[in-house]
């Protein structure tokens, strides 16, 4: 039996790491009982922000091509219809699921939805318990969190009200990209 274990163990460990790529999914479940909003974030980046602190930025940047119009000299490549960013600022690394007790929350959450077609931005703010396992590709889990609409700009309106959020992501370490995205969000 031992030789079989020596063969299978490395294969299982390798397979466990192969399914991880940057990005992930989160679900926002409104407190008013409305239908949950599930969002895929195809890109996620993180950096260490200080002693024990981390910044994680999730990105969903949908580009919608404009149909060709008669008389166009140069056809535009597209306009950004809807862009979403989530900034998780983790103040300290939790080592376990401490429950939904707000005293155990270790992160601030800033979720922005930007309507590039009509102009406008909705910002949600909140806090939560985030588990983060750093490495070249960090595993980030939102165990328990809440967000609420905090600011509306232009014609954009919140798609949902206050909600609980949760999800799992894999974030690539990239300090420069995090800095760039935080500037774009108006956070630097």
Foldseek 3Di string as FASTA:
>chain_A
DVVVCVVVVVVVVVVVVVVADFWWKKWWQFPVRPDIDIDTFRAKEKEAPDVQKMKIKTKDWDWDADDDDPPDPDGDRTWTAKIKMKIKIFQHADPDCPDFPPVQWGIKIWIKIAGRVQGKIWIKIWIAHWHWDDDQKIKIWGPWMKIATDDITGPDDDPGGITIMIIIGIHGYDVVVSVVVCVVVVND
